[in-house]
Amino acid sequence: MEPVKLINLTTGYKNKEASIPITAGIDATLYSSELTCLLGPNGAGKSTLLKTLSAFIPPLEGEIFIKGKVLGDYSPRELAKQMGVVLTERPIIDDITVQELVAMGRSPYTNIWDRLSDNDHLLISRALELVGIESFRDRRVDTLSDGERQKVMIAKVLAQETPIIFLDEPTAFLDYPGKVEIMQLLKSLARANHLTVFLSTHDLEIALQIADKVWLLDKENGLTIGSPQDLGDTGMIANYFNRPGLEYDSVNRMFRIIDR
């Protein structure tokens, strides 16, 4: 059973007068043990699609299945045991320790008094270790760098123990080494823990070198899915992103600036 399946999905927004579609007719599947990156130009609908998959906004048409069950049929608590979400925005609460923030990932499982069991504590420690931040578990969140914060939010999702993780621009505001580190971390976690990891990003070259699968999205071409190698060899990446003075090198999976 596929972790995530989209059937004839139309995303967008509703106002008092009408529906405003952004993307339409999407049929696609996300698989476990894979890192899938959502790429596309500004305005293509990446954020809208990700918010729809994350249940922040409802689809206009079509269905989203999470492990064979319609997304809308999950209660919030049930869904929190299947899907973890990491947003670009910084956490509102930052006057707590790293360990306390990661512990919030256990909230779908704790009792009404939010008491952590011995197993909860073990899972929190394991999440900190997997992401490599156990050494600063007692640091306050407001003392962390942007890269450290991103690792903490990933650890929180791992503590949540969901088979599916959605991330919105997880490498935003990081320097180049930090971007590569986070992307490599997400790929290794997907493979080692059989997770379905799906993220949107503007870091094209990093995504094309690290991702297992790529979803290319824009309003003119719709959605195209494939491996970075296949999409490069068939010219699809060039179709989406080539501009005057910019050319995609499919052999090295990078863009070249052409002197004019």
C-alpha atoms as a PDB file:
ATOM      1  CA  MET A   1       0.000   0.000   0.000  1.00  0.00           C
ATOM      2  CA  GLU A   2       1.423   3.374  -1.040  1.00  0.00           C
ATOM      3  CA  PRO A   3       1.957   5.816   1.839  1.00  0.00           C
ATOM      4  CA  VAL A   4       0.561   8.758  -0.164  1.00  0.00           C
ATOM      5  CA  LYS A   5      -1.536   8.626  -3.327  1.00  0.00           C
ATOM      6  CA  LEU A   6      -3.141  11.541  -5.187  1.00  0.00           C
ATOM      7  CA  ILE A   7      -6.014  10.969  -7.603  1.00  0.00           C
ATOM      8  CA  ASN A   8      -7.202  13.755  -9.920  1.00  0.00           C
ATOM      9  CA  LEU A   9      -6.215  16.317  -7.289  1.00  0.00           C
ATOM     10  CA  THR A  10      -7.000  19.989  -7.804  1.00  0.00           C
ATOM     11  CA  THR A  11      -5.509  22.417  -5.301  1.00  0.00           C
ATOM     12  CA  GLY A  12      -6.343  26.052  -4.687  1.00  0.00           C
ATOM     13  CA  TYR A  13      -8.446  28.351  -2.538  1.00  0.00           C
ATOM     14  CA  LYS A  14     -12.069  29.268  -2.071  1.00  0.00           C
ATOM     15  CA  ASN A  15     -13.496  32.701  -1.470  1.00  0.00           C
ATOM     16  CA  LYS A  16     -17.107  33.752  -1.013  1.00  0.00           C
ATOM     17  CA  GLU A  17     -17.721  33.893  -4.743  1.00  0.00           C
ATOM     18  CA  ALA A  18     -15.757  31.070  -6.333  1.00  0.00           C
ATOM     19  CA  SER A  19     -12.978  28.505  -6.193  1.00  0.00           C
ATOM     20  CA  ILE A  20      -9.547  29.580  -7.397  1.00  0.00           C
ATOM     21  CA  PRO A  21      -7.628  26.552  -8.725  1.00  0.00           C
ATOM     22  CA  ILE A  22      -3.829  26.606  -8.683  1.00  0.00           C
ATOM     23  CA  THR A  23      -2.942  23.103  -9.889  1.00  0.00           C
ATOM     24  CA  ALA A  24      -5.335  20.591 -11.439  1.00  0.00           C
ATOM     25  CA  GLY A  25      -5.645  16.922 -12.369  1.00  0.00           C
ATOM     26  CA  ILE A  26      -2.676  15.623 -10.372  1.00  0.00           C
ATOM     27  CA  ASP A  27      -2.219  11.849 -10.240  1.00  0.00           C
ATOM     28  CA  ALA A  28       0.878  10.899  -8.272  1.00  0.00           C
ATOM     29  CA  THR A  29       2.292   8.596  -5.624  1.00  0.00           C
ATOM     30  CA  LEU A  30       4.903   9.017  -2.888  1.00  0.00           C
ATOM     31  CA  TYR A  31       6.826   5.943  -1.757  1.00  0.00           C
ATOM     32  CA  SER A  32       8.562   4.904   1.435  1.00  0.00           C
ATOM     33  CA  SER A  33      12.368   4.963   1.788  1.00  0.00           C
ATOM     34  CA  GLU A  34      12.572   7.822  -0.714  1.00  0.00           C
ATOM     35  CA  LEU A  35      13.381  11.514  -0.592  1.00  0.00           C
ATOM     36  CA  THR A  36      11.160  13.336  -3.083  1.00  0.00           C
ATOM     37  CA  CYS A  37      11.720  17.018  -3.868  1.00  0.00           C
ATOM     38  CA  LEU A  38       9.063  19.368  -5.219  1.00  0.00           C
ATOM     39  CA  LEU A  39      10.608  21.885  -7.605  1.00  0.00           C
ATOM     40  CA  GLY A  40       9.192  24.676  -9.701  1.00  0.00           C
ATOM     41  CA  PRO A  41       9.278  28.419 -10.331  1.00  0.00           C
ATOM     42  CA  ASN A  42       7.668  30.941  -8.007  1.00  0.00           C
ATOM     43  CA  GLY A  43       3.911  30.945  -8.385  1.00  0.00           C
ATOM     44  CA  ALA A  44       3.731  27.367  -9.664  1.00  0.00           C
ATOM     45  CA  GLY A  45       1.690  26.217  -6.670  1.00  0.00           C
ATOM     46  CA  LYS A  46       4.312  24.345  -4.640  1.00  0.00           C
ATOM     47  CA  SER A  47       3.276  25.796  -1.288  1.00  0.00           C
ATOM     48  CA  THR A  48      -0.409  25.280  -2.060  1.00  0.00           C
ATOM     49  CA  LEU A  49       0.182  21.632  -2.959  1.00  0.00           C
ATOM     50  CA  LEU A  50       2.238  21.019   0.164  1.00  0.00           C
ATOM     51  CA  LYS A  51      -0.367  22.705   2.395  1.00  0.00           C
ATOM     52  CA  THR A  52      -3.074  20.579   0.789  1.00  0.00           C
ATOM     53  CA  LEU A  53      -1.152  17.349   1.371  1.00  0.00           C
ATOM     54  CA  SER A  54      -0.519  18.451   4.968  1.00  0.00           C
ATOM     55  CA  ALA A  55      -4.265  19.031   5.557  1.00  0.00           C
ATOM     56  CA  PHE A  56      -3.875  22.765   6.206  1.00  0.00           C
ATOM     57  CA  ILE A  57      -6.232  23.544   3.316  1.00  0.00           C
ATOM     58  CA  PRO A  58      -8.783  21.194   1.683  1.00  0.00           C
ATOM     59  CA  PRO A  59      -8.486  20.050  -1.930  1.00  0.00           C
ATOM     60  CA  LEU A  60     -10.853  21.639  -4.415  1.00  0.00           C
ATOM     61  CA  GLU A  61     -11.349  18.326  -6.225  1.00  0.00           C
ATOM     62  CA  GLY A  62      -9.969  14.803  -6.183  1.00  0.00           C
ATOM     63  CA  GLU A  63      -8.697  12.674  -3.346  1.00  0.00           C
ATOM     64  CA  ILE A  64      -5.603  12.314  -1.187  1.00  0.00           C
ATOM     65  CA  PHE A  65      -5.061   8.864   0.312  1.00  0.00           C
ATOM     66  CA  ILE A  66      -2.767   8.376   3.309  1.00  0.00           C
ATOM     67  CA  LYS A  67      -1.960   4.667   3.684  1.00  0.00           C
ATOM     68  CA  GLY A  68      -5.133   3.774   1.823  1.00  0.00           C
ATOM     69  CA  LYS A  69      -7.452   6.058   3.799  1.00  0.00           C
ATOM     70  CA  VAL A  70      -8.886   9.350   2.558  1.00  0.00           C
ATOM     71  CA  LEU A  71      -7.057  12.259   4.190  1.00  0.00           C
ATOM     72  CA  GLY A  72     -10.276  13.946   5.291  1.00  0.00           C
ATOM     73  CA  ASP A  73     -11.416  10.822   7.145  1.00  0.00           C
ATOM     74  CA  TYR A  74      -8.576  11.078   9.680  1.00  0.00           C
ATOM     75  CA  SER A  75      -9.130  12.815  12.994  1.00  0.00           C
ATOM     76  CA  PRO A  76      -6.381  15.343  13.871  1.00  0.00           C
ATOM     77  CA  ARG A  77      -4.932  12.958  16.459  1.00  0.00           C
ATOM     78  CA  GLU A  78      -4.966  10.010  14.055  1.00  0.00           C
ATOM     79  CA  LEU A  79      -3.340  12.079  11.330  1.00  0.00           C
ATOM     80  CA  ALA A  80      -0.625  13.249  13.728  1.00  0.00           C
ATOM     81  CA  LYS A  81       0.402   9.607  14.081  1.00  0.00           C
ATOM     82  CA  GLN A  82       0.780   9.236  10.317  1.00  0.00           C
ATOM     83  CA  MET A  83       2.165  12.575   9.152  1.00  0.00           C
ATOM     84  CA  GLY A  84       4.731  15.004  10.520  1.00  0.00           C
ATOM     85  CA  VAL A  85       5.141  18.512   9.082  1.00  0.00           C
ATOM     86  CA  VAL A  86       8.113  20.885   9.289  1.00  0.00           C
ATOM     87  CA  LEU A  87       7.379  24.455   8.216  1.00  0.00           C
ATOM     88  CA  THR A  88       9.777  27.227   7.239  1.00  0.00           C
ATOM     89  CA  GLU A  89       8.600  29.512  10.031  1.00  0.00           C
ATOM     90  CA  ARG A  90      10.506  29.503  13.287  1.00  0.00           C
ATOM     91  CA  PRO A  91       8.702  27.903  16.235  1.00  0.00           C
ATOM     92  CA  ILE A  92       6.624  30.406  18.176  1.00  0.00           C
ATOM     93  CA  ILE A  93       7.827  29.001  21.487  1.00  0.00           C
ATOM     94  CA  ASP A  94      11.577  29.358  21.805  1.00  0.00           C
ATOM     95  CA  ASP A  95      12.133  29.989  25.529  1.00  0.00           C
ATOM     96  CA  ILE A  96      12.386  26.246  26.148  1.00  0.00           C
ATOM     97  CA  THR A  97      15.145  23.694  25.792  1.00  0.00           C
ATOM     98  CA  VAL A  98      15.867  21.604  22.733  1.00  0.00           C
ATOM     99  CA  GLN A  99      14.774  18.471  24.553  1.00  0.00           C
ATOM    100  CA  GLU A 100      11.485  20.066  25.608  1.00  0.00           C
ATOM    101  CA  LEU A 101      10.707  21.117  22.038  1.00  0.00           C
ATOM    102  CA  VAL A 102      11.529  17.678  20.641  1.00  0.00           C
ATOM    103  CA  ALA A 103       9.346  16.146  23.375  1.00  0.00           C
ATOM    104  CA  MET A 104       6.343  17.979  21.876  1.00  0.00           C
ATOM    105  CA  GLY A 105       6.518  15.441  19.066  1.00  0.00           C
ATOM    106  CA  ARG A 106       5.160  12.866  21.499  1.00  0.00           C
ATOM    107  CA  SER A 107       1.916  14.811  22.079  1.00  0.00           C
ATOM    108  CA  PRO A 108      -0.244  12.528  19.849  1.00  0.00           C
ATOM    109  CA  TYR A 109       0.589   9.645  22.199  1.00  0.00           C
ATOM    110  CA  THR A 110       0.695  11.170  25.681  1.00  0.00           C
ATOM    111  CA  ASN A 111      -2.203  11.240  28.112  1.00  0.00           C
ATOM    112  CA  ILE A 112      -4.281  14.306  28.969  1.00  0.00           C
ATOM    113  CA  TRP A 113      -1.717  15.355  31.585  1.00  0.00           C
ATOM    114  CA  ASP A 114       1.091  15.218  28.994  1.00  0.00           C
ATOM    115  CA  ARG A 115       3.131  12.851  31.102  1.00  0.00           C
ATOM    116  CA  LEU A 116       5.977  11.188  29.224  1.00  0.00           C
ATOM    117  CA  SER A 117       6.502   7.478  29.675  1.00  0.00           C
ATOM    118  CA  ASP A 118       9.877   5.762  29.771  1.00  0.00           C
ATOM    119  CA  ASN A 119       9.303   4.776  26.136  1.00  0.00           C
ATOM    120  CA  ASP A 120       8.602   8.425  25.223  1.00  0.00           C
ATOM    121  CA  HIS A 121      11.915   9.470  26.772  1.00  0.00           C
ATOM    122  CA  LEU A 122      13.730   6.721  24.852  1.00  0.00           C
ATOM    123  CA  LEU A 123      12.206   7.886  21.557  1.00  0.00           C
ATOM    124  CA  ILE A 124      13.109  11.511  22.275  1.00  0.00           C
ATOM    125  CA  SER A 125      16.722  10.531  22.986  1.00  0.00           C
ATOM    126  CA  ARG A 126      16.817   8.398  19.842  1.00  0.00           C
ATOM    127  CA  ALA A 127      15.526  11.289  17.720  1.00  0.00           C
ATOM    128  CA  LEU A 128      18.170  13.635  19.134  1.00  0.00           C
ATOM    129  CA  GLU A 129      20.839  11.042  18.409  1.00  0.00           C
ATOM    130  CA  LEU A 130      19.659  10.335  14.858  1.00  0.00           C
ATOM    131  CA  VAL A 131      19.883  14.021  13.967  1.00  0.00           C
ATOM    132  CA  GLY A 132      23.189  14.441  15.808  1.00  0.00           C
ATOM    133  CA  ILE A 133      22.080  17.070  18.334  1.00  0.00           C
ATOM    134  CA  GLU A 134      22.154  15.110  21.592  1.00  0.00           C
ATOM    135  CA  SER A 135      25.118  17.212  22.766  1.00  0.00           C
ATOM    136  CA  PHE A 136      22.985  20.367  23.057  1.00  0.00           C
ATOM    137  CA  ARG A 137      19.719  18.856  24.267  1.00  0.00           C
ATOM    138  CA  ASP A 138      19.712  21.235  27.256  1.00  0.00           C
ATOM    139  CA  ARG A 139      20.340  24.419  25.267  1.00  0.00           C
ATOM    140  CA  ARG A 140      17.549  26.963  24.921  1.00  0.00           C
ATOM    141  CA  VAL A 141      15.990  27.052  21.459  1.00  0.00           C
ATOM    142  CA  ASP A 142      16.482  30.837  21.189  1.00  0.00           C
ATOM    143  CA  THR A 143      20.281  30.355  21.320  1.00  0.00           C
ATOM    144  CA  LEU A 144      20.395  28.118  18.231  1.00  0.00           C
ATOM    145  CA  SER A 145      21.537  28.932  14.728  1.00  0.00           C
ATOM    146  CA  ASP A 146      19.111  28.495  11.828  1.00  0.00           C
ATOM    147  CA  GLY A 147      20.707  25.178  10.878  1.00  0.00           C
ATOM    148  CA  GLU A 148      20.530  23.909  14.445  1.00  0.00           C
ATOM    149  CA  ARG A 149      16.861  24.923  14.650  1.00  0.00           C
ATOM    150  CA  GLN A 150      16.074  22.963  11.508  1.00  0.00           C
ATOM    151  CA  LYS A 151      17.723  19.884  12.984  1.00  0.00           C
ATOM    152  CA  VAL A 152      15.666  20.297  16.165  1.00  0.00           C
ATOM    153  CA  MET A 153      12.427  20.487  14.154  1.00  0.00           C
ATOM    154  CA  ILE A 154      13.428  17.353  12.225  1.00  0.00           C
ATOM    155  CA  ALA A 155      14.161  15.597  15.527  1.00  0.00           C
ATOM    156  CA  LYS A 156      10.717  16.651  16.789  1.00  0.00           C
ATOM    157  CA  VAL A 157       9.091  15.001  13.762  1.00  0.00           C
ATOM    158  CA  LEU A 158      11.181  11.858  14.252  1.00  0.00           C
ATOM    159  CA  ALA A 159      10.060  11.724  17.894  1.00  0.00           C
ATOM    160  CA  GLN A 160       6.506  11.931  16.560  1.00  0.00           C
ATOM    161  CA  GLU A 161       7.163   8.544  14.914  1.00  0.00           C
ATOM    162  CA  THR A 162       5.267   9.164  11.704  1.00  0.00           C
ATOM    163  CA  PRO A 163       5.948   7.182   8.521  1.00  0.00           C
ATOM    164  CA  ILE A 164       5.391  10.319   6.404  1.00  0.00           C
ATOM    165  CA  ILE A 165       7.222  13.646   6.717  1.00  0.00           C
ATOM    166  CA  PHE A 166       6.410  16.802   4.744  1.00  0.00           C
ATOM    167  CA  LEU A 167       8.797  19.775   4.827  1.00  0.00           C
ATOM    168  CA  ASP A 168       8.365  23.278   3.422  1.00  0.00           C
ATOM    169  CA  GLU A 169      11.685  24.795   2.312  1.00  0.00           C
ATOM    170  CA  PRO A 170      13.749  23.064   5.036  1.00  0.00           C
ATOM    171  CA  THR A 171      16.998  24.548   3.689  1.00  0.00           C
ATOM    172  CA  ALA A 172      15.788  28.158   3.545  1.00  0.00           C
ATOM    173  CA  PHE A 173      18.115  30.680   5.216  1.00  0.00           C
ATOM    174  CA  LEU A 174      20.989  28.178   5.506  1.00  0.00           C
ATOM    175  CA  ASP A 175      24.438  28.543   3.963  1.00  0.00           C
ATOM    176  CA  TYR A 176      25.436  26.109   1.213  1.00  0.00           C
ATOM    177  CA  PRO A 177      27.144  23.517   3.456  1.00  0.00           C
ATOM    178  CA  GLY A 178      24.149  23.661   5.788  1.00  0.00           C
ATOM    179  CA  LYS A 179      21.754  23.073   2.905  1.00  0.00           C
ATOM    180  CA  VAL A 180      23.691  20.022   1.733  1.00  0.00           C
ATOM    181  CA  GLU A 181      23.926  18.639   5.266  1.00  0.00           C
ATOM    182  CA  ILE A 182      20.168  18.891   5.860  1.00  0.00           C
ATOM    183  CA  MET A 183      19.303  17.311   2.501  1.00  0.00           C
ATOM    184  CA  GLN A 184      21.748  14.447   3.019  1.00  0.00           C
ATOM    185  CA  LEU A 185      20.381  13.933   6.524  1.00  0.00           C
ATOM    186  CA  LEU A 186      16.792  13.709   5.252  1.00  0.00           C
ATOM    187  CA  LYS A 187      17.763  11.213   2.558  1.00  0.00           C
ATOM    188  CA  SER A 188      19.665   8.995   4.984  1.00  0.00           C
ATOM    189  CA  LEU A 189      16.761   9.091   7.462  1.00  0.00           C
ATOM    190  CA  ALA A 190      14.296   8.128   4.719  1.00  0.00           C
ATOM    191  CA  ARG A 191      16.348   5.125   3.692  1.00  0.00           C
ATOM    192  CA  ALA A 192      17.387   3.934   7.145  1.00  0.00           C
ATOM    193  CA  ASN A 193      13.920   4.275   8.701  1.00  0.00           C
ATOM    194  CA  HIS A 194      11.727   3.513   5.646  1.00  0.00           C
ATOM    195  CA  LEU A 195      10.174   6.969   5.757  1.00  0.00           C
ATOM    196  CA  THR A 196       8.329   8.851   3.036  1.00  0.00           C
ATOM    197  CA  VAL A 197      10.015  12.273   2.929  1.00  0.00           C
ATOM    198  CA  PHE A 198       8.569  14.965   0.665  1.00  0.00           C
ATOM    199  CA  LEU A 199       9.814  18.544   0.593  1.00  0.00           C
ATOM    200  CA  SER A 200       9.567  21.727  -1.415  1.00  0.00           C
ATOM    201  CA  THR A 201      12.747  23.618  -2.177  1.00  0.00           C
ATOM    202  CA  HIS A 202      14.278  26.343  -4.336  1.00  0.00           C
ATOM    203  CA  ASP A 203      17.722  24.737  -4.062  1.00  0.00           C
ATOM    204  CA  LEU A 204      17.543  23.111  -7.476  1.00  0.00           C
ATOM    205  CA  GLU A 205      21.084  21.841  -7.900  1.00  0.00           C
ATOM    206  CA  ILE A 206      21.253  20.275  -4.438  1.00  0.00           C
ATOM    207  CA  ALA A 207      17.877  18.607  -4.910  1.00  0.00           C
ATOM    208  CA  LEU A 208      18.820  17.259  -8.334  1.00  0.00           C
ATOM    209  CA  GLN A 209      22.008  15.722  -6.947  1.00  0.00           C
ATOM    210  CA  ILE A 210      20.506  14.209  -3.786  1.00  0.00           C
ATOM    211  CA  ALA A 211      16.792  13.439  -4.355  1.00  0.00           C
ATOM    212  CA  ASP A 212      15.545   9.977  -5.283  1.00  0.00           C
ATOM    213  CA  LYS A 213      12.570  11.439  -7.117  1.00  0.00           C
ATOM    214  CA  VAL A 214      11.651  14.905  -8.329  1.00  0.00           C
ATOM    215  CA  TRP A 215       8.239  16.457  -8.880  1.00  0.00           C
ATOM    216  CA  LEU A 216       8.510  19.312 -11.396  1.00  0.00           C
ATOM    217  CA  LEU A 217       5.569  21.688 -11.170  1.00  0.00           C
ATOM    218  CA  ASP A 218       4.566  24.750 -13.137  1.00  0.00           C
ATOM    219  CA  LYS A 219       1.345  26.197 -14.529  1.00  0.00           C
ATOM    220  CA  GLU A 220       2.247  25.657 -18.185  1.00  0.00           C
ATOM    221  CA  ASN A 221       3.522  22.067 -18.021  1.00  0.00           C
ATOM    222  CA  GLY A 222       1.647  20.801 -14.966  1.00  0.00           C
ATOM    223  CA  LEU A 223       3.343  18.084 -12.912  1.00  0.00           C
ATOM    224  CA  THR A 224       6.131  15.868 -14.238  1.00  0.00           C
ATOM    225  CA  ILE A 225       7.649  13.137 -12.061  1.00  0.00           C
ATOM    226  CA  GLY A 226      10.855  11.142 -12.412  1.00  0.00           C
ATOM    227  CA  SER A 227      14.364  10.590 -11.168  1.00  0.00           C
ATOM    228  CA  PRO A 228      16.781  13.514 -11.576  1.00  0.00           C
ATOM    229  CA  GLN A 229      18.731  11.503 -14.142  1.00  0.00           C
ATOM    230  CA  ASP A 230      15.686  10.615 -16.239  1.00  0.00           C
ATOM    231  CA  LEU A 231      14.274  14.138 -16.158  1.00  0.00           C
ATOM    232  CA  GLY A 232      17.642  15.551 -17.122  1.00  0.00           C
ATOM    233  CA  ASP A 233      18.227  13.082 -19.947  1.00  0.00           C
ATOM    234  CA  THR A 234      14.778  13.688 -21.464  1.00  0.00           C
ATOM    235  CA  GLY A 235      15.215  17.459 -21.345  1.00  0.00           C
ATOM    236  CA  MET A 236      12.345  18.048 -18.939  1.00  0.00           C
ATOM    237  CA  ILE A 237      14.459  19.965 -16.419  1.00  0.00           C
ATOM    238  CA  ALA A 238      15.761  22.198 -19.204  1.00  0.00           C
ATOM    239  CA  ASN A 239      12.170  22.782 -20.369  1.00  0.00           C
ATOM    240  CA  TYR A 240      11.144  23.928 -16.907  1.00  0.00           C
ATOM    241  CA  PHE A 241      14.135  26.042 -15.910  1.00  0.00           C
ATOM    242  CA  ASN A 242      16.294  27.078 -18.878  1.00  0.00           C
ATOM    243  CA  ARG A 243      16.301  30.823 -19.470  1.00  0.00           C
ATOM    244  CA  PRO A 244      18.358  33.128 -21.696  1.00  0.00           C
ATOM    245  CA  GLY A 245      21.864  32.945 -20.263  1.00  0.00           C
ATOM    246  CA  LEU A 246      21.103  29.837 -18.189  1.00  0.00           C
ATOM    247  CA  GLU A 247      21.513  26.220 -19.290  1.00  0.00           C
ATOM    248  CA  TYR A 248      21.078  22.891 -17.509  1.00  0.00           C
ATOM    249  CA  ASP A 249      23.996  20.434 -17.705  1.00  0.00           C
ATOM    250  CA  SER A 250      22.330  17.007 -17.404  1.00  0.00           C
ATOM    251  CA  VAL A 251      25.652  15.155 -17.047  1.00  0.00           C
ATOM    252  CA  ASN A 252      26.737  17.048 -13.939  1.00  0.00           C
ATOM    253  CA  ARG A 253      23.185  17.894 -12.778  1.00  0.00           C
ATOM    254  CA  MET A 254      23.904  21.588 -12.475  1.00  0.00           C
ATOM    255  CA  PHE A 255      23.043  24.861 -14.159  1.00  0.00           C
ATOM    256  CA  ARG A 256      25.606  26.818 -16.138  1.00  0.00           C
ATOM    257  CA  ILE A 257      25.608  30.551 -16.720  1.00  0.00           C
ATOM    258  CA  ILE A 258      26.218  31.273 -20.389  1.00  0.00           C
ATOM    259  CA  ASP A 259      28.169  34.421 -21.258  1.00  0.00           C
ATOM    260  CA  ARG A 260      26.316  36.509 -23.787  1.00  0.00           C
END
